[in-house]
Amino acid sequence: MAFPLDAMSLDQLFREARTHSHWLEQPVSDDTLRDLYDLLKFGPTSANSSPARFLFVKSAKAKEKLRPCLDAGNVDKTMAAPVTVVVAYDLEFYEEMPKLFHNPDARNWFAGKDNTAPLLRNGSLQGAYLILAARALGLDCGPMSGFNNAAVDEAFFAGTNWRSNFLVNLGYGNGSQLHPRNARLPFERACRIA
């Protein structure tokens, strides 16, 4: 199983992949969204806790519900995207632990405790897996945090244990509208080997 991916695959996942703000009018099927989840769910989290939850906002009605929650600069690109994923987390994720982890006591590691750090850490990891899985399936992504979390939670998750973390627009990006790629830090500035 362990072998390096070919250059084309690495380009698609990382080197040539871009954050998109402009979208082609090409829908993303529900089957593709199921395939997407079926890939991302295998990414590792602490004790396989898997706290992330995903709301796929596709319908015109749901998009209009999301509109007032967005920062002004994110409205047009989000309304144009075929799908906007609300990457959320479940405050009571530990209730699934007996099914997800081999230690029968794992639920008690989290129940009744402040889980803010593990929720954000593991939920954000799963959001990153979503982006990589989407790219692997040929989708483009536009992750963003410019929205009102409390408004999204009220609009979509009232009365539940889900809370929003960040958003990811999904679809087929219009590459002709991309800005030049921004710089990345070189190894020497971002890394140390101890």
C-alpha atoms as a PDB file:
ATOM      1  CA  MET A   1       0.000   0.000   0.000  1.00  0.00           C
ATOM      2  CA  ALA A   2       2.749   2.490   0.844  1.00  0.00           C
ATOM      3  CA  PHE A   3       4.142   4.050  -2.303  1.00  0.00           C
ATOM      4  CA  PRO A   4       4.552   7.663  -3.419  1.00  0.00           C
ATOM      5  CA  LEU A   5       1.784   9.137  -5.546  1.00  0.00           C
ATOM      6  CA  ASP A   6       2.699  10.088  -9.088  1.00  0.00           C
ATOM      7  CA  ALA A   7       3.476  13.701  -9.975  1.00  0.00           C
ATOM      8  CA  MET A   8       0.085  14.260 -11.594  1.00  0.00           C
ATOM      9  CA  SER A   9      -1.737  13.195  -8.418  1.00  0.00           C
ATOM     10  CA  LEU A  10       0.470  15.429  -6.265  1.00  0.00           C
ATOM     11  CA  ASP A  11      -0.219  18.335  -8.608  1.00  0.00           C
ATOM     12  CA  GLN A  12      -3.981  17.759  -8.332  1.00  0.00           C
ATOM     13  CA  LEU A  13      -3.919  17.536  -4.545  1.00  0.00           C
ATOM     14  CA  PHE A  14      -1.336  20.210  -3.755  1.00  0.00           C
ATOM     15  CA  ARG A  15       0.978  21.872  -6.257  1.00  0.00           C
ATOM     16  CA  GLU A  16      -1.560  22.961  -8.876  1.00  0.00           C
ATOM     17  CA  ALA A  17      -4.661  23.031  -6.652  1.00  0.00           C
ATOM     18  CA  ARG A  18      -5.982  26.506  -5.943  1.00  0.00           C
ATOM     19  CA  THR A  19      -8.585  28.214  -3.780  1.00  0.00           C
ATOM     20  CA  HIS A  20     -11.481  29.087  -6.077  1.00  0.00           C
ATOM     21  CA  SER A  21     -13.932  31.986  -5.866  1.00  0.00           C
ATOM     22  CA  HIS A  22     -15.502  31.684  -9.337  1.00  0.00           C
ATOM     23  CA  TRP A  23     -17.470  28.637 -10.415  1.00  0.00           C
ATOM     24  CA  LEU A  24     -18.618  26.947 -13.583  1.00  0.00           C
ATOM     25  CA  GLU A  25     -22.344  26.252 -13.815  1.00  0.00           C
ATOM     26  CA  GLN A  26     -21.837  22.528 -13.354  1.00  0.00           C
ATOM     27  CA  PRO A  27     -23.697  20.768 -10.546  1.00  0.00           C
ATOM     28  CA  VAL A  28     -22.163  18.460  -7.962  1.00  0.00           C
ATOM     29  CA  SER A  29     -24.253  15.315  -7.541  1.00  0.00           C
ATOM     30  CA  ASP A  30     -25.400  13.887  -4.240  1.00  0.00           C
ATOM     31  CA  ASP A  31     -23.531  10.703  -5.178  1.00  0.00           C
ATOM     32  CA  THR A  32     -20.315  12.710  -5.443  1.00  0.00           C
ATOM     33  CA  LEU A  33     -20.946  14.172  -1.982  1.00  0.00           C
ATOM     34  CA  ARG A  34     -21.434  10.654  -0.609  1.00  0.00           C
ATOM     35  CA  ASP A  35     -18.182   9.562  -2.285  1.00  0.00           C
ATOM     36  CA  LEU A  36     -16.503  12.605  -0.771  1.00  0.00           C
ATOM     37  CA  TYR A  37     -17.575  11.686   2.755  1.00  0.00           C
ATOM     38  CA  ASP A  38     -16.669   8.044   2.185  1.00  0.00           C
ATOM     39  CA  LEU A  39     -13.075   9.175   1.532  1.00  0.00           C
ATOM     40  CA  LEU A  40     -12.644  11.863   4.174  1.00  0.00           C
ATOM     41  CA  LYS A  41     -14.014   9.698   6.998  1.00  0.00           C
ATOM     42  CA  PHE A  42     -10.832   7.610   6.926  1.00  0.00           C
ATOM     43  CA  GLY A  43      -8.551  10.489   7.945  1.00  0.00           C
ATOM     44  CA  PRO A  44      -7.166  10.066  11.479  1.00  0.00           C
ATOM     45  CA  THR A  45      -8.501  11.908  14.539  1.00  0.00           C
ATOM     46  CA  SER A  46      -7.677  11.559  18.239  1.00  0.00           C
ATOM     47  CA  ALA A  47      -9.000   8.198  19.446  1.00  0.00           C
ATOM     48  CA  ASN A  48     -10.945   8.031  16.161  1.00  0.00           C
ATOM     49  CA  SER A  49     -13.317  10.548  17.762  1.00  0.00           C
ATOM     50  CA  SER A  50     -14.485  11.926  14.395  1.00  0.00           C
ATOM     51  CA  PRO A  51     -16.316  14.967  15.827  1.00  0.00           C
ATOM     52  CA  ALA A  52     -16.842  16.763  12.501  1.00  0.00           C
ATOM     53  CA  ARG A  53     -20.276  16.928  10.946  1.00  0.00           C
ATOM     54  CA  PHE A  54     -20.952  18.207   7.431  1.00  0.00           C
ATOM     55  CA  LEU A  55     -23.946  20.121   6.131  1.00  0.00           C
ATOM     56  CA  PHE A  56     -24.003  20.253   2.317  1.00  0.00           C
ATOM     57  CA  VAL A  57     -25.898  23.417   1.380  1.00  0.00           C
ATOM     58  CA  LYS A  58     -27.114  22.949  -2.211  1.00  0.00           C
ATOM     59  CA  SER A  59     -30.713  24.039  -2.681  1.00  0.00           C
ATOM     60  CA  ALA A  60     -31.660  27.621  -3.545  1.00  0.00           C
ATOM     61  CA  LYS A  61     -33.719  27.782  -0.345  1.00  0.00           C
ATOM     62  CA  ALA A  62     -30.799  26.659   1.830  1.00  0.00           C
ATOM     63  CA  LYS A  63     -28.416  29.044   0.044  1.00  0.00           C
ATOM     64  CA  GLU A  64     -30.776  31.951   0.777  1.00  0.00           C
ATOM     65  CA  LYS A  65     -30.849  30.878   4.419  1.00  0.00           C
ATOM     66  CA  LEU A  66     -27.048  31.037   4.430  1.00  0.00           C
ATOM     67  CA  ARG A  67     -26.784  34.403   2.629  1.00  0.00           C
ATOM     68  CA  PRO A  68     -27.379  36.722   5.636  1.00  0.00           C
ATOM     69  CA  CYS A  69     -24.790  34.804   7.672  1.00  0.00           C
ATOM     70  CA  LEU A  70     -21.958  35.594   5.240  1.00  0.00           C
ATOM     71  CA  ASP A  71     -19.517  38.491   5.323  1.00  0.00           C
ATOM     72  CA  ALA A  72     -20.172  40.832   2.381  1.00  0.00           C
ATOM     73  CA  GLY A  73     -17.051  39.736   0.486  1.00  0.00           C
ATOM     74  CA  ASN A  74     -18.124  36.097   0.544  1.00  0.00           C
ATOM     75  CA  VAL A  75     -21.728  36.423  -0.642  1.00  0.00           C
ATOM     76  CA  ASP A  76     -21.311  36.315  -4.431  1.00  0.00           C
ATOM     77  CA  LYS A  77     -18.850  33.431  -4.548  1.00  0.00           C
ATOM     78  CA  THR A  78     -20.884  31.384  -2.077  1.00  0.00           C
ATOM     79  CA  MET A  79     -24.167  31.949  -3.877  1.00  0.00           C
ATOM     80  CA  ALA A  80     -22.501  30.927  -7.163  1.00  0.00           C
ATOM     81  CA  ALA A  81     -20.870  27.765  -5.786  1.00  0.00           C
ATOM     82  CA  PRO A  82     -22.816  24.570  -6.510  1.00  0.00           C
ATOM     83  CA  VAL A  83     -22.330  23.435  -2.886  1.00  0.00           C
ATOM     84  CA  THR A  84     -21.258  25.106   0.318  1.00  0.00           C
ATOM     85  CA  VAL A  85     -20.187  22.752   3.073  1.00  0.00           C
ATOM     86  CA  VAL A  86     -20.667  23.897   6.632  1.00  0.00           C
ATOM     87  CA  VAL A  87     -17.879  22.035   8.381  1.00  0.00           C
ATOM     88  CA  ALA A  88     -19.276  21.669  11.874  1.00  0.00           C
ATOM     89  CA  TYR A  89     -18.625  19.600  14.973  1.00  0.00           C
ATOM     90  CA  ASP A  90     -20.910  17.724  17.355  1.00  0.00           C
ATOM     91  CA  LEU A  91     -20.650  18.860  20.978  1.00  0.00           C
ATOM     92  CA  GLU A  92     -21.700  15.356  22.034  1.00  0.00           C
ATOM     93  CA  PHE A  93     -19.376  13.509  19.619  1.00  0.00           C
ATOM     94  CA  TYR A  94     -18.358  11.236  22.500  1.00  0.00           C
ATOM     95  CA  GLU A  95     -21.727   9.470  22.339  1.00  0.00           C
ATOM     96  CA  GLU A  96     -20.419   7.729  19.196  1.00  0.00           C
ATOM     97  CA  MET A  97     -17.161   6.667  20.854  1.00  0.00           C
ATOM     98  CA  PRO A  98     -18.348   3.158  21.843  1.00  0.00           C
ATOM     99  CA  LYS A  99     -18.801   2.444  18.105  1.00  0.00           C
ATOM    100  CA  LEU A 100     -15.663   4.240  16.949  1.00  0.00           C
ATOM    101  CA  PHE A 101     -12.901   3.270  19.378  1.00  0.00           C
ATOM    102  CA  HIS A 102     -11.767  -0.083  20.719  1.00  0.00           C
ATOM    103  CA  ASN A 103     -11.520   1.056  24.354  1.00  0.00           C
ATOM    104  CA  PRO A 104     -14.970   0.785  25.977  1.00  0.00           C
ATOM    105  CA  ASP A 105     -14.074   3.596  28.394  1.00  0.00           C
ATOM    106  CA  ALA A 106     -13.278   6.143  25.626  1.00  0.00           C
ATOM    107  CA  ARG A 107     -16.633   7.941  26.003  1.00  0.00           C
ATOM    108  CA  ASN A 108     -15.714   8.855  29.589  1.00  0.00           C
ATOM    109  CA  TRP A 109     -12.509  10.540  28.437  1.00  0.00           C
ATOM    110  CA  PHE A 110     -14.666  13.319  26.961  1.00  0.00           C
ATOM    111  CA  ALA A 111     -18.154  13.250  28.518  1.00  0.00           C
ATOM    112  CA  GLY A 112     -18.769  16.130  30.928  1.00  0.00           C
ATOM    113  CA  LYS A 113     -15.461  17.839  30.094  1.00  0.00           C
ATOM    114  CA  ASP A 114     -14.444  20.988  28.223  1.00  0.00           C
ATOM    115  CA  ASN A 115     -13.791  19.596  24.758  1.00  0.00           C
ATOM    116  CA  THR A 116     -13.169  22.903  22.964  1.00  0.00           C
ATOM    117  CA  ALA A 117      -9.574  22.094  21.970  1.00  0.00           C
ATOM    118  CA  PRO A 118     -10.171  18.520  20.736  1.00  0.00           C
ATOM    119  CA  LEU A 119     -13.348  19.573  18.916  1.00  0.00           C
ATOM    120  CA  LEU A 120     -11.624  22.370  17.021  1.00  0.00           C
ATOM    121  CA  ARG A 121      -8.430  20.385  16.408  1.00  0.00           C
ATOM    122  CA  ASN A 122     -10.066  17.195  15.186  1.00  0.00           C
ATOM    123  CA  GLY A 123     -12.977  18.921  13.454  1.00  0.00           C
ATOM    124  CA  SER A 124     -10.541  21.152  11.554  1.00  0.00           C
ATOM    125  CA  LEU A 125      -8.461  18.120  10.610  1.00  0.00           C
ATOM    126  CA  GLN A 126     -11.570  16.513   9.169  1.00  0.00           C
ATOM    127  CA  GLY A 127     -12.329  19.712   7.259  1.00  0.00           C
ATOM    128  CA  ALA A 128      -8.841  19.518   5.748  1.00  0.00           C
ATOM    129  CA  TYR A 129      -9.495  15.894   4.803  1.00  0.00           C
ATOM    130  CA  LEU A 130     -12.667  17.095   3.084  1.00  0.00           C
ATOM    131  CA  ILE A 131     -10.620  19.497   0.958  1.00  0.00           C
ATOM    132  CA  LEU A 132      -8.113  16.815  -0.044  1.00  0.00           C
ATOM    133  CA  ALA A 133     -10.848  14.260  -0.741  1.00  0.00           C
ATOM    134  CA  ALA A 134     -12.708  16.826  -2.867  1.00  0.00           C
ATOM    135  CA  ARG A 135      -9.566  17.547  -4.880  1.00  0.00           C
ATOM    136  CA  ALA A 136      -8.948  13.809  -5.278  1.00  0.00           C
ATOM    137  CA  LEU A 137     -12.454  13.522  -6.787  1.00  0.00           C
ATOM    138  CA  GLY A 138     -11.797  16.351  -9.242  1.00  0.00           C
ATOM    139  CA  LEU A 139     -13.645  19.075  -7.335  1.00  0.00           C
ATOM    140  CA  ASP A 140     -12.300  22.531  -6.587  1.00  0.00           C
ATOM    141  CA  CYS A 141     -12.580  24.160  -3.169  1.00  0.00           C
ATOM    142  CA  GLY A 142     -12.922  27.598  -1.652  1.00  0.00           C
ATOM    143  CA  PRO A 143     -12.504  27.338   2.130  1.00  0.00           C
ATOM    144  CA  MET A 144     -13.345  30.412   4.192  1.00  0.00           C
ATOM    145  CA  SER A 145     -14.053  31.694   7.650  1.00  0.00           C
ATOM    146  CA  GLY A 146     -15.734  35.004   6.760  1.00  0.00           C
ATOM    147  CA  PHE A 147     -19.175  34.371   8.230  1.00  0.00           C
ATOM    148  CA  ASN A 148     -21.134  34.710  11.456  1.00  0.00           C
ATOM    149  CA  ASN A 149     -20.876  31.371  13.281  1.00  0.00           C
ATOM    150  CA  ALA A 150     -23.703  32.171  15.690  1.00  0.00           C
ATOM    151  CA  ALA A 151     -26.027  33.080  12.813  1.00  0.00           C
ATOM    152  CA  VAL A 152     -25.194  29.850  10.931  1.00  0.00           C
ATOM    153  CA  ASP A 153     -25.743  27.820  14.088  1.00  0.00           C
ATOM    154  CA  GLU A 154     -29.120  29.496  14.664  1.00  0.00           C
ATOM    155  CA  ALA A 155     -30.198  29.139  11.032  1.00  0.00           C
ATOM    156  CA  PHE A 156     -29.171  25.513  10.535  1.00  0.00           C
ATOM    157  CA  PHE A 157     -28.399  23.861  13.877  1.00  0.00           C
ATOM    158  CA  ALA A 158     -30.869  25.341  16.388  1.00  0.00           C
ATOM    159  CA  GLY A 159     -31.903  22.712  18.920  1.00  0.00           C
ATOM    160  CA  THR A 160     -29.020  20.398  17.998  1.00  0.00           C
ATOM    161  CA  ASN A 161     -25.519  19.739  19.314  1.00  0.00           C
ATOM    162  CA  TRP A 162     -23.858  20.780  16.050  1.00  0.00           C
ATOM    163  CA  ARG A 163     -21.809  23.998  15.850  1.00  0.00           C
ATOM    164  CA  SER A 164     -20.181  25.552  12.782  1.00  0.00           C
ATOM    165  CA  ASN A 165     -16.410  25.701  12.380  1.00  0.00           C
ATOM    166  CA  PHE A 166     -15.749  26.946   8.817  1.00  0.00           C
ATOM    167  CA  LEU A 167     -17.190  26.857   5.296  1.00  0.00           C
ATOM    168  CA  VAL A 168     -15.933  25.277   2.088  1.00  0.00           C
ATOM    169  CA  ASN A 169     -17.410  26.135  -1.302  1.00  0.00           C
ATOM    170  CA  LEU A 170     -17.281  23.143  -3.655  1.00  0.00           C
ATOM    171  CA  GLY A 171     -17.702  22.777  -7.372  1.00  0.00           C
ATOM    172  CA  TYR A 172     -15.791  23.081 -10.592  1.00  0.00           C
ATOM    173  CA  GLY A 173     -13.759  26.258 -10.491  1.00  0.00           C
ATOM    174  CA  ASN A 174     -13.393  28.738 -13.298  1.00  0.00           C
ATOM    175  CA  GLY A 175      -9.620  28.674 -13.689  1.00  0.00           C
ATOM    176  CA  SER A 176      -9.608  31.727 -15.971  1.00  0.00           C
ATOM    177  CA  GLN A 177     -10.576  33.890 -12.958  1.00  0.00           C
ATOM    178  CA  LEU A 178      -7.729  32.824 -10.655  1.00  0.00           C
ATOM    179  CA  HIS A 179      -5.271  35.355  -9.266  1.00  0.00           C
ATOM    180  CA  PRO A 180      -1.565  34.524  -9.431  1.00  0.00           C
ATOM    181  CA  ARG A 181      -0.604  32.079  -6.697  1.00  0.00           C
ATOM    182  CA  ASN A 182       0.560  33.689  -3.463  1.00  0.00           C
ATOM    183  CA  ALA A 183       3.968  32.809  -2.067  1.00  0.00           C
ATOM    184  CA  ARG A 184       4.584  30.002   0.409  1.00  0.00           C
ATOM    185  CA  LEU A 185       7.296  29.915   3.044  1.00  0.00           C
ATOM    186  CA  PRO A 186      10.406  27.938   2.112  1.00  0.00           C
ATOM    187  CA  PHE A 187      11.445  24.938   4.202  1.00  0.00           C
ATOM    188  CA  GLU A 188      14.164  26.964   5.946  1.00  0.00           C
ATOM    189  CA  ARG A 189      11.643  29.522   7.258  1.00  0.00           C
ATOM    190  CA  ALA A 190       8.880  27.112   8.259  1.00  0.00           C
ATOM    191  CA  CYS A 191      10.676  23.969   9.411  1.00  0.00           C
ATOM    192  CA  ARG A 192      13.310  22.671  11.793  1.00  0.00           C
ATOM    193  CA  ILE A 193      14.803  19.218  12.054  1.00  0.00           C
ATOM    194  CA  ALA A 194      15.751  18.342  15.639  1.00  0.00           C
END
